[in-house]
């Protein structure tokens, strides 16, 4: 059992440029891979938890989410960093289309993605935390019973170093 660092994707690992879903749209945050290496070195499980309302809105599909996550994992690995898991929520309660228009406990501010990862992997809540850029991220962390840290932008590695200090 080990603790986990849960990272939001858009606004933390990559810039939130408005539903980025293709690698060529991704602008990796300064210090992102150094931050992930730091978390790896600290023995933390590193998981990405991301709302993907663009799926619900019909802008892209879940296969594109998976492809983006494979690309991010490869970019991290090329930089000597390891992303252990990804969780996403494709639903939206009011803006979704078809089967994607619904409430979901996985959608932040709900804790579902965090809770699922805590159950699926040998993780402990104690010592785990979330880094996000929105109130909904911090609310999800609180609902899951872990600390949440708001990333204001800038160098993600410096921010993570402050959390671990």
Protein backbone atom coordinates (compact mmCIF):
# COMPACT_ATOMS: atom_id res chain seq x y z
CA UNK A 1 0.00 0.00 0.00
CA UNK A 2 1.26 3.44 -0.88
CA UNK A 3 -0.03 6.98 -1.06
CA UNK A 4 -1.01 8.68 -4.29
CA UNK A 5 -0.70 12.05 -5.95
CA UNK A 6 -3.83 12.71 -8.01
CA UNK A 7 -3.24 15.31 -10.72
CA UNK A 8 -5.83 17.13 -12.75
CA UNK A 9 -4.99 17.11 -16.45
CA UNK A 10 -6.16 20.34 -18.12
CA UNK A 11 -4.77 23.26 -16.15
CA UNK A 12 -2.19 21.19 -14.27
CA UNK A 13 -0.29 18.75 -16.52
CA UNK A 14 -1.23 20.59 -19.70
CA UNK A 15 -2.64 24.04 -20.38
CA UNK A 16 -6.42 24.27 -20.35
CA UNK A 17 -6.84 25.59 -23.88
CA UNK A 18 -10.49 24.64 -24.22
CA UNK A 19 -11.10 20.91 -24.61
CA UNK A 20 -7.64 19.82 -25.79
CA UNK A 21 -8.00 16.27 -27.10
CA UNK A 22 -5.21 15.80 -29.65
CA UNK A 23 -1.48 15.71 -28.88
CA UNK A 24 -0.79 18.65 -31.17
CA UNK A 25 -3.12 20.73 -28.97
CA UNK A 26 -1.29 19.82 -25.76
CA UNK A 27 0.89 22.48 -24.18
CA UNK A 28 2.74 20.68 -21.40
CA UNK A 29 2.97 22.80 -18.26
CA UNK A 30 6.48 24.01 -17.40
CA UNK A 31 8.05 21.60 -14.92
CA UNK A 32 5.34 18.96 -15.42
CA UNK A 33 7.61 16.00 -16.08
CA UNK A 34 10.09 17.10 -13.41
CA UNK A 35 7.17 17.24 -10.97
CA UNK A 36 6.06 13.73 -11.92
CA UNK A 37 9.66 12.49 -11.53
CA UNK A 38 9.75 14.11 -8.08
CA UNK A 39 6.48 12.39 -7.11
CA UNK A 40 7.82 9.07 -8.46
CA UNK A 41 11.03 9.49 -6.45
CA UNK A 42 8.95 10.15 -3.33
CA UNK A 43 7.36 6.73 -3.83
CA UNK A 44 3.93 8.08 -4.69
CA UNK A 45 1.53 6.49 -7.16
CA UNK A 46 0.79 9.19 -9.75
CA UNK A 47 -2.71 9.23 -11.23
CA UNK A 48 -4.41 11.69 -13.56
CA UNK A 49 -8.08 12.45 -12.79
CA UNK A 50 -9.87 14.54 -15.39
CA UNK A 51 -13.38 15.63 -16.28
CA UNK A 52 -13.79 15.33 -20.04
CA UNK A 53 -17.04 17.14 -20.77
CA UNK A 54 -15.93 17.50 -24.39
CA UNK A 55 -17.05 13.89 -24.82
CA UNK A 56 -20.48 14.73 -23.40
CA UNK A 57 -20.70 17.78 -25.66
CA UNK A 58 -19.88 15.69 -28.74
CA UNK A 59 -16.58 17.47 -29.46
CA UNK A 60 -14.55 14.23 -29.39
CA UNK A 61 -14.97 10.64 -28.29
CA UNK A 62 -13.55 8.47 -25.54
CA UNK A 63 -11.09 6.87 -27.97
CA UNK A 64 -9.54 10.31 -28.42
CA UNK A 65 -9.31 10.71 -24.64
CA UNK A 66 -7.52 7.35 -24.45
CA UNK A 67 -5.17 8.30 -27.30
CA UNK A 68 -4.31 11.58 -25.57
CA UNK A 69 -3.57 9.73 -22.34
CA UNK A 70 -1.34 7.22 -24.14
CA UNK A 71 0.52 10.16 -25.67
CA UNK A 72 0.91 11.85 -22.27
CA UNK A 73 2.17 8.59 -20.74
CA UNK A 74 4.73 8.27 -23.58
CA UNK A 75 5.85 11.90 -23.17
CA UNK A 76 6.28 11.39 -19.45
CA UNK A 77 8.25 8.17 -20.01
CA UNK A 78 10.50 9.88 -22.56
CA UNK A 79 11.29 12.43 -19.84
CA UNK A 80 12.02 9.71 -17.28
CA UNK A 81 8.69 10.10 -15.45
CA UNK A 82 5.89 7.61 -14.83
CA UNK A 83 2.15 8.23 -14.88
CA UNK A 84 0.66 5.16 -13.20
CA UNK A 85 -3.04 5.56 -14.03
CA UNK A 86 -5.63 7.72 -15.74
CA UNK A 87 -9.28 8.18 -14.83
CA UNK A 88 -11.72 10.36 -16.73
CA UNK A 89 -15.38 11.26 -16.55
CA UNK A 90 -17.08 11.80 -19.92
CA UNK A 91 -20.46 12.83 -18.48
CA UNK A 92 -22.09 16.22 -17.97
CA UNK A 93 -25.45 16.65 -16.21
CA UNK A 94 -26.79 19.49 -18.37
CA UNK A 95 -24.59 19.87 -21.47
CA UNK A 96 -24.23 16.23 -22.39
CA UNK A 97 -25.68 14.58 -25.46
CA UNK A 98 -27.35 11.19 -25.49
CA UNK A 99 -26.03 8.71 -22.95
CA UNK A 100 -23.42 11.24 -21.77
CA UNK A 101 -26.04 13.61 -20.35
CA UNK A 102 -26.29 12.50 -16.75
CA UNK A 103 -25.01 13.03 -13.27
CA UNK A 104 -22.06 10.88 -12.30
CA UNK A 105 -20.28 10.51 -8.96
CA UNK A 106 -17.07 10.33 -11.01
CA UNK A 107 -17.48 13.90 -12.26
CA UNK A 108 -15.59 16.36 -10.09
CA UNK A 109 -16.60 17.82 -7.65
CA UNK A 110 -17.69 14.27 -6.90
CA UNK A 111 -14.97 11.99 -5.50
CA UNK A 112 -15.74 9.01 -7.75
CA UNK A 113 -12.57 8.92 -9.84
CA UNK A 114 -10.39 9.21 -6.73
CA UNK A 115 -12.45 6.62 -4.84
CA UNK A 116 -12.31 4.21 -7.78
CA UNK A 117 -8.52 4.46 -7.99
CA UNK A 118 -8.19 4.03 -4.21
CA UNK A 119 -10.21 0.81 -4.49
CA UNK A 120 -8.70 -0.57 -7.69
CA UNK A 121 -5.02 -0.09 -6.82
CA UNK A 122 -3.18 -0.89 -3.57
CA UNK A 123 -3.39 2.70 -2.35
CA UNK A 124 -3.99 4.31 0.98
CA UNK A 125 -5.82 7.54 1.61
CA UNK A 126 -3.31 8.58 4.28
CA UNK A 127 -0.58 10.65 2.68
CA UNK A 128 -2.47 10.99 -0.62
CA UNK A 129 -3.37 14.38 -2.08
CA UNK A 130 -4.70 16.07 -5.21
CA UNK A 131 -3.31 18.93 -7.28
CA UNK A 132 -5.93 20.81 -9.29
CA UNK A 133 -6.59 24.24 -10.69
CA UNK A 134 -10.32 24.65 -9.94
CA UNK A 135 -12.66 24.68 -6.98
CA UNK A 136 -14.25 21.47 -8.26
CA UNK A 137 -10.89 19.70 -8.00
CA UNK A 138 -10.46 20.77 -4.39
CA UNK A 139 -14.06 19.82 -3.60
CA UNK A 140 -13.46 16.34 -5.05
CA UNK A 141 -10.37 15.95 -2.88
CA UNK A 142 -12.26 17.03 0.23
CA UNK A 143 -15.12 14.67 -0.57
CA UNK A 144 -12.58 11.84 -0.90
CA UNK A 145 -11.01 12.76 2.44
CA UNK A 146 -7.64 13.88 1.09
CA UNK A 147 -5.96 17.31 0.94
CA UNK A 148 -6.35 19.33 -2.23
CA UNK A 149 -3.83 21.89 -3.45
CA UNK A 150 -4.71 24.60 -5.96
CA UNK A 151 -2.07 25.00 -8.66
CA UNK A 152 -1.97 28.69 -9.65
CA UNK A 153 0.04 28.11 -12.81
CA UNK A 154 3.74 28.55 -13.37
CA UNK A 155 6.30 25.83 -12.65
CA UNK A 156 4.56 22.62 -11.58
CA UNK A 157 7.77 21.10 -10.20
CA UNK A 158 8.34 24.05 -7.87
CA UNK A 159 4.73 23.81 -6.72
CA UNK A 160 4.97 20.07 -6.05
CA UNK A 161 8.30 20.53 -4.25
CA UNK A 162 6.48 22.90 -1.87
CA UNK A 163 3.79 20.33 -1.18
CA UNK A 164 6.31 17.59 -0.45
CA UNK A 165 8.51 19.83 1.75
